[in-house]
Amino acid sequence: MIRIRSPWPTVVLHRLGGMVLVMLAVSFLLYGVLEIDASAIATKILGQFSTPEQRAIWLYRNGYDRPFLWRYAQWLGRFVTGDWGRSLHDHVAVRALVPHRLGASLALCAITMAVTVPLGLGVGIVSGLYAGRWLDTVLSAAAIMATAIPDYASCAFLSAIFVVGLHWLPGASTMTDGFDPRQMVLPASVLILYCAGYLARVTGAAIRAEMGRPYVRTAWLKGAGRGRLVLRHILPNALAAPVTVIMQQVPWLLSGMLVVEIFFGYRGFGSLLYTAAMNGDLPVVEACTMLSVACVTCAQFVSDLLTTLLDPRARGVFAPRPAAPPQDAPAAATGRTVP
């Protein structure tokens, strides 16, 4: 009897192991860069007018007299268990600062992706299906313009039009009086412009490449309907690249939000990291950086799995395959002739 086995658990575990190794490497580099100079940390916390004796006492009480690897292991253990330390600037637990600011950024990210995915895919699909026509030219030019403008320029450009010129939208997104949807429009629009434009370009290129495949021409000659050909064959085979781009927008959104949140005064995760870096708030910087790395590695992990499932050339990785027959199987079952 043939047993069926699939290697997908091994593939998933292998990639999860890679994620853990990446996060460990980043955590070691992060801790080494920020905390290898213990005397500088003591001076930053106690002030430049503190005496060497005061700094030595502080270093001893906080465990900085121990070897670097020991301190790193202790810090990593506390971080994994949820003890992220106390903010040196706000004098509160870091875990009390991060969730609210992270939630605000995730809300902005959700709005951005909710508009970016259908808009970018739709524009790219239409551009690819009408390749070489005037509609493709107009949509491709718009996508190129959207991706060519930097974030800070888009912020200033949209503010000049909708805040200064038309007076339609507020120029700040501080949310001091509670959640205001109007204050989300400009920050989300800046992020949507680039994300949707880039996704449209990649989707259009993938559709055009798939339209030139021999199987598409053969299906046309055999009289296959346009809708059936596009939905059943072209789109499934062309979606691998756009799905990868969608998941890889996460690192760009993290950096793009930093610019957008600072420009519009939006109190999110990016502005928290920027403020902590400017104030030398090491516990907050370390926590925000590790959470950012976790988001990026998780997005990359999901992107790899979706690409493997969508790409017909890589789909065999998850396909079940028969196990090797036992050593004592009869000759007829193995297909070999008995000498």
Protein backbone atom coordinates (compact mmCIF):
# COMPACT_ATOMS: atom_id res chain seq x y z
CA MET A 1 0.00 0.00 0.00
CA ILE A 2 1.36 3.45 -0.96
CA ARG A 3 1.66 5.94 1.88
CA ILE A 4 1.25 9.66 1.13
CA ARG A 5 3.45 12.17 2.82
CA SER A 6 3.88 15.90 2.31
CA PRO A 7 7.02 17.92 3.10
CA TRP A 8 5.13 21.13 3.88
CA PRO A 9 5.53 20.85 7.70
CA THR A 10 9.28 20.60 7.19
CA VAL A 11 9.26 23.63 4.89
CA VAL A 12 7.22 25.69 7.35
CA LEU A 13 9.41 24.71 10.29
CA HIS A 14 12.54 25.50 8.26
CA ARG A 15 11.29 29.00 7.48
CA LEU A 16 10.15 29.58 11.05
CA GLY A 17 13.64 28.61 12.18
CA GLY A 18 15.07 31.12 9.74
CA MET A 19 12.81 33.83 11.21
CA VAL A 20 14.02 33.06 14.72
CA LEU A 21 17.67 33.19 13.63
CA VAL A 22 17.14 36.54 11.91
CA MET A 23 15.51 38.02 14.99
CA LEU A 24 18.27 36.69 17.24
CA ALA A 25 20.94 38.18 14.98
CA VAL A 26 19.18 41.55 14.87
CA SER A 27 18.65 41.56 18.64
CA PHE A 28 22.35 40.86 19.22
CA LEU A 29 23.42 43.65 16.87
CA LEU A 30 20.88 46.05 18.33
CA TYR A 31 21.91 45.41 21.91
CA GLY A 32 25.58 45.55 20.99
CA VAL A 33 25.28 48.89 19.21
CA LEU A 34 23.15 50.56 21.88
CA GLU A 35 24.48 49.13 25.14
CA ILE A 36 28.07 48.02 24.65
CA ASP A 37 29.34 51.38 26.00
CA ALA A 38 28.05 51.20 29.57
CA SER A 39 29.73 54.42 30.73
CA ALA A 40 27.95 56.43 28.02
CA ILE A 41 24.61 55.01 29.17
CA ALA A 42 25.30 56.01 32.76
CA THR A 43 26.27 59.52 31.68
CA LYS A 44 23.12 59.80 29.58
CA ILE A 45 20.87 58.79 32.46
CA LEU A 46 22.61 60.56 35.36
CA GLY A 47 23.64 63.64 33.42
CA GLN A 48 26.95 65.04 32.29
CA PHE A 49 27.64 66.61 35.69
CA SER A 50 27.50 63.28 37.56
CA THR A 51 30.67 62.13 39.27
CA PRO A 52 32.57 58.98 38.31
CA GLU A 53 31.61 57.46 41.68
CA GLN A 54 27.92 58.05 41.01
CA ARG A 55 28.20 56.48 37.58
CA ALA A 56 30.09 53.49 38.96
CA ILE A 57 27.39 52.91 41.61
CA TRP A 58 24.63 53.14 38.99
CA LEU A 59 26.43 50.69 36.69
CA TYR A 60 26.87 48.23 39.55
CA ARG A 61 23.23 48.43 40.65
CA ASN A 62 21.96 47.89 37.10
CA GLY A 63 24.25 44.95 36.33
CA TYR A 64 26.55 46.69 33.86
CA ASP A 65 29.59 45.37 35.70
CA ARG A 66 28.86 41.91 34.32
CA PRO A 67 30.14 40.54 30.97
CA PHE A 68 28.42 41.73 27.81
CA LEU A 69 27.07 38.31 26.79
CA TRP A 70 25.58 37.79 30.22
CA ARG A 71 23.81 41.16 30.06
CA TYR A 72 22.55 40.39 26.55
CA ALA A 73 21.14 37.01 27.64
CA GLN A 74 19.36 38.64 30.58
CA TRP A 75 17.95 41.42 28.39
CA LEU A 76 16.75 38.93 25.76
CA GLY A 77 15.11 36.76 28.40
CA ARG A 78 13.27 39.72 29.89
CA PHE A 79 12.19 40.95 26.47
CA VAL A 80 10.78 37.58 25.45
CA THR A 81 8.81 37.35 28.69
CA GLY A 82 7.31 40.83 28.19
CA ASP A 83 9.55 42.88 30.48
CA TRP A 84 10.70 45.68 28.17
CA GLY A 85 11.97 47.99 30.91
CA ARG A 86 10.98 51.54 31.76
CA SER A 87 11.12 54.59 29.56
CA LEU A 88 13.99 56.89 30.52
CA HIS A 89 12.06 59.92 29.26
CA ASP A 90 8.46 59.29 30.35
CA HIS A 91 9.35 57.20 33.45
CA VAL A 92 6.67 54.61 32.75
CA ALA A 93 6.80 50.99 31.64
CA VAL A 94 7.52 50.62 27.92
CA ARG A 95 4.64 48.17 27.60
CA ALA A 96 2.33 50.99 28.69
CA LEU A 97 3.53 53.21 25.84
CA VAL A 98 3.80 50.86 22.89
CA PRO A 99 0.33 49.21 22.52
CA HIS A 100 -1.65 52.45 22.04
CA ARG A 101 0.87 53.93 19.58
CA LEU A 102 1.22 50.63 17.74
CA GLY A 103 -2.57 50.35 17.48
CA ALA A 104 -2.77 53.82 15.94
CA SER A 105 -0.19 52.89 13.30
CA LEU A 106 -1.90 49.57 12.60
CA ALA A 107 -5.17 51.43 12.02
CA LEU A 108 -3.44 53.70 9.51
CA CYS A 109 -1.79 50.67 7.90
CA ALA A 110 -5.14 48.84 7.65
CA ILE A 111 -6.79 51.79 5.92
CA THR A 112 -3.84 52.07 3.55
CA MET A 113 -3.86 48.40 2.58
CA ALA A 114 -7.66 48.26 2.31
CA VAL A 115 -7.48 50.88 -0.43
CA THR A 116 -4.11 49.96 -1.92
CA VAL A 117 -4.79 46.28 -2.68
CA PRO A 118 -8.00 46.64 -4.76
CA LEU A 119 -6.84 49.88 -6.36
CA GLY A 120 -3.37 48.68 -7.28
CA LEU A 121 -4.53 45.26 -8.49
CA GLY A 122 -7.40 46.77 -10.46
CA VAL A 123 -5.27 49.37 -12.21
CA GLY A 124 -2.54 46.82 -12.91
CA ILE A 125 -4.94 44.22 -14.32
CA VAL A 126 -6.64 46.73 -16.61
CA SER A 127 -3.27 48.08 -17.72
CA GLY A 128 -1.99 44.58 -18.47
CA LEU A 129 -5.09 43.43 -20.34
CA TYR A 130 -5.06 46.53 -22.56
CA ALA A 131 -1.30 46.54 -23.13
CA GLY A 132 -0.16 48.90 -25.86
CA ARG A 133 -3.39 50.92 -25.97
CA TRP A 134 -4.06 54.44 -24.78
CA LEU A 135 -5.60 53.23 -21.52
CA ASP A 136 -2.43 51.31 -20.67
CA THR A 137 -0.34 54.39 -21.43
CA VAL A 138 -2.42 56.64 -19.16
CA LEU A 139 -2.52 54.17 -16.25
CA SER A 140 1.18 53.33 -16.51
CA ALA A 141 2.11 57.03 -16.55
CA ALA A 142 -0.05 57.67 -13.47
CA ALA A 143 1.54 54.73 -11.64
CA ILE A 144 5.05 55.94 -12.49
CA MET A 145 4.25 59.46 -11.27
CA ALA A 146 2.83 58.09 -8.01
CA THR A 147 5.98 56.09 -7.27
CA ALA A 148 8.37 58.82 -8.38
CA ILE A 149 7.29 61.36 -5.74
CA PRO A 150 9.02 60.95 -2.33
CA ASP A 151 6.93 60.72 0.83
CA TYR A 152 7.86 64.13 2.21
CA ALA A 153 7.11 65.75 -1.16
CA SER A 154 3.71 64.04 -1.30
CA CYS A 155 2.95 65.31 2.20
CA ALA A 156 3.76 68.89 1.23
CA PHE A 157 2.01 68.60 -2.16
CA LEU A 158 -1.27 67.23 -0.78
CA SER A 159 -1.22 69.68 2.13
CA ALA A 160 -0.75 72.61 -0.24
CA ILE A 161 -3.78 71.52 -2.28
CA PHE A 162 -6.30 70.27 0.29
CA VAL A 163 -5.27 72.27 3.38
CA VAL A 164 -3.90 75.59 2.15
CA GLY A 165 -5.65 75.88 -1.19
CA LEU A 166 -9.08 74.26 -0.83
CA HIS A 167 -9.40 74.21 2.98
CA TRP A 168 -11.09 70.81 2.77
CA LEU A 169 -8.97 68.88 5.27
CA PRO A 170 -7.12 69.62 8.52
CA GLY A 171 -3.36 69.98 8.27
CA ALA A 172 -2.63 68.04 11.47
CA SER A 173 -3.66 64.56 12.57
CA THR A 174 -3.08 64.80 16.31
CA MET A 175 -6.48 63.29 17.26
CA THR A 176 -6.54 65.43 20.42
CA ASP A 177 -10.37 65.44 20.52
CA GLY A 178 -10.74 61.73 19.77
CA PHE A 179 -10.81 59.81 16.52
CA ASP A 180 -11.56 62.01 13.51
CA PRO A 181 -11.83 60.30 10.09
CA ARG A 182 -11.02 63.55 8.30
CA GLN A 183 -7.61 63.65 10.00
CA MET A 184 -6.80 60.19 8.58
CA VAL A 185 -7.34 61.20 4.95
CA LEU A 186 -4.05 62.96 4.23
CA PRO A 187 -1.71 60.50 6.04
CA ALA A 188 -3.42 57.54 4.38
CA SER A 189 -3.42 59.23 0.97
CA VAL A 190 0.33 59.77 1.05
CA LEU A 191 0.93 56.09 1.79
CA ILE A 192 -1.66 54.92 -0.73
CA LEU A 193 -0.13 56.92 -3.57
CA TYR A 194 3.18 55.10 -3.53
CA CYS A 195 1.91 51.65 -2.49
CA ALA A 196 -0.90 51.53 -5.06
CA GLY A 197 1.32 52.92 -7.82
CA TYR A 198 4.05 50.35 -7.22
CA LEU A 199 1.57 47.49 -6.94
CA ALA A 200 -0.12 48.58 -10.18
CA ARG A 201 3.21 48.61 -12.03
CA VAL A 202 4.17 45.12 -10.83
CA THR A 203 0.70 43.71 -11.54
CA GLY A 204 0.59 45.23 -15.00
CA ALA A 205 4.03 43.83 -15.87
CA ALA A 206 3.03 40.37 -14.61
CA ILE A 207 -0.22 40.39 -16.62
CA ARG A 208 1.57 41.50 -19.78
CA ALA A 209 4.20 38.80 -19.37
CA GLU A 210 1.52 36.15 -18.83
CA MET A 211 -0.47 37.35 -21.86
CA GLY A 212 2.51 36.53 -24.06
CA ARG A 213 2.76 32.89 -22.92
CA PRO A 214 2.24 30.19 -25.56
CA TYR A 215 -0.67 28.61 -23.67
CA VAL A 216 -2.59 31.92 -23.81
CA ARG A 217 -2.18 32.17 -27.59
CA THR A 218 -3.22 28.54 -27.95
CA ALA A 219 -6.32 29.11 -25.84
CA TRP A 220 -7.23 32.15 -27.95
CA LEU A 221 -6.90 30.11 -31.15
CA LYS A 222 -9.10 27.37 -29.72
CA GLY A 223 -11.83 29.89 -28.99
CA ALA A 224 -11.55 30.23 -25.22
CA GLY A 225 -13.64 33.04 -23.80
CA ARG A 226 -11.82 36.15 -22.61
CA GLY A 227 -13.35 36.14 -19.16
CA ARG A 228 -12.70 32.45 -18.55
CA LEU A 229 -9.13 32.72 -19.83
CA VAL A 230 -8.36 35.72 -17.63
CA LEU A 231 -9.99 34.42 -14.45
CA ARG A 232 -9.01 30.76 -14.68
CA HIS A 233 -5.52 30.96 -16.14
CA ILE A 234 -3.91 34.39 -16.50
CA LEU A 235 -4.72 35.86 -13.08
CA PRO A 236 -3.81 32.81 -10.94
CA ASN A 237 -0.46 32.49 -12.69
CA ALA A 238 0.30 36.22 -12.58
CA LEU A 239 -0.63 36.89 -8.94
CA ALA A 240 2.57 35.49 -7.41
CA ALA A 241 4.54 38.71 -7.98
CA PRO A 242 1.78 41.11 -6.79
CA VAL A 243 1.16 39.05 -3.63
CA THR A 244 4.87 39.20 -2.85
CA VAL A 245 4.82 42.96 -3.35
CA ILE A 246 1.78 43.35 -1.08
CA MET A 247 3.50 41.53 1.77
CA GLN A 248 6.77 43.37 1.18
CA GLN A 249 4.97 46.70 1.54
CA VAL A 250 5.14 46.16 5.31
CA PRO A 251 8.81 47.27 5.63
CA TRP A 252 8.14 50.27 3.42
CA LEU A 253 5.04 51.19 5.41
CA LEU A 254 7.08 51.16 8.61
CA SER A 255 9.53 53.66 7.15
CA GLY A 256 6.87 55.64 5.29
CA MET A 257 4.78 55.99 8.44
CA LEU A 258 7.75 57.54 10.20
CA VAL A 259 7.77 60.43 7.72
CA VAL A 260 3.99 60.74 7.55
CA GLU A 261 3.43 60.62 11.30
CA ILE A 262 6.06 63.26 11.98
CA PHE A 263 4.81 65.56 9.20
CA PHE A 264 1.14 65.42 10.24
CA GLY A 265 1.74 65.08 13.98
CA TYR A 266 0.08 61.66 14.07
CA ARG A 267 0.82 59.92 17.39
CA GLY A 268 1.73 56.47 16.10
CA PHE A 269 4.46 53.89 16.33
CA GLY A 270 6.84 55.71 13.98
CA SER A 271 6.67 58.99 15.86
CA LEU A 272 7.22 57.12 19.13
CA LEU A 273 10.40 55.56 17.76
CA TYR A 274 11.60 58.91 16.41
CA THR A 275 10.98 60.70 19.70
CA ALA A 276 12.70 57.94 21.68
CA ALA A 277 15.73 58.07 19.39
CA MET A 278 15.99 61.84 19.74
CA ASN A 279 15.74 61.61 23.54
CA GLY A 280 18.14 58.68 23.85
CA ASP A 281 15.39 56.53 25.36
CA LEU A 282 17.12 53.16 24.85
CA PRO A 283 14.42 50.82 26.25
CA VAL A 284 11.80 52.32 23.93
CA VAL A 285 14.14 52.24 20.94
CA GLU A 286 15.00 48.60 21.59
CA ALA A 287 11.36 47.57 22.00
CA CYS A 288 10.19 49.43 18.90
CA THR A 289 13.05 48.07 16.80
CA MET A 290 12.43 44.47 17.83
CA LEU A 291 8.70 44.80 17.15
CA SER A 292 9.48 46.24 13.72
CA VAL A 293 11.78 43.33 12.94
CA ALA A 294 9.09 40.90 14.10
CA CYS A 295 6.53 42.52 11.77
CA VAL A 296 8.90 42.42 8.81
CA THR A 297 9.97 38.80 9.33
CA CYS A 298 6.35 37.65 9.79
CA ALA A 299 5.33 39.46 6.60
CA GLN A 300 8.23 37.83 4.74
CA PHE A 301 7.23 34.42 6.10
CA VAL A 302 3.63 34.82 4.92
CA SER A 303 4.86 36.14 1.57
CA ASP A 304 7.06 33.07 1.04
CA LEU A 305 4.20 30.70 1.81
CA LEU A 306 1.69 32.52 -0.42
CA THR A 307 4.19 32.71 -3.27
CA THR A 308 4.85 28.99 -2.99
CA LEU A 309 1.14 28.23 -3.06
CA LEU A 310 0.39 30.56 -5.98
CA ASP A 311 3.41 29.87 -8.19
CA PRO A 312 2.78 26.72 -10.28
CA ARG A 313 6.51 26.10 -10.56
CA ALA A 314 6.89 26.02 -6.77
CA ARG A 315 3.56 24.42 -5.98
CA GLY A 316 5.14 21.00 -5.96
CA VAL A 317 6.84 21.82 -2.68
CA PHE A 318 3.49 21.41 -0.93
CA ALA A 319 2.14 18.65 -3.15
CA PRO A 320 1.90 15.20 -1.54
CA ARG A 321 4.20 12.59 -2.94
CA PRO A 322 4.22 8.84 -2.48
CA ALA A 323 6.58 7.36 0.05
CA ALA A 324 9.30 4.99 -1.08
CA PRO A 325 8.13 1.36 -1.12
CA PRO A 326 9.41 -0.88 1.67
CA GLN A 327 12.50 -2.93 1.08
CA ASP A 328 10.60 -6.24 1.12
CA ALA A 329 7.95 -5.18 -1.40
CA PRO A 330 7.16 -7.71 -4.13
CA ALA A 331 8.78 -7.26 -7.50
CA ALA A 332 5.43 -6.63 -9.17
CA ALA A 333 4.69 -3.72 -6.79
CA THR A 334 8.06 -2.05 -7.37
CA GLY A 335 7.89 -2.49 -11.13
CA ARG A 336 11.27 -4.22 -11.32
CA THR A 337 11.92 -7.52 -13.02
CA VAL A 338 13.27 -10.40 -11.02
CA PRO A 339 16.58 -11.66 -12.46
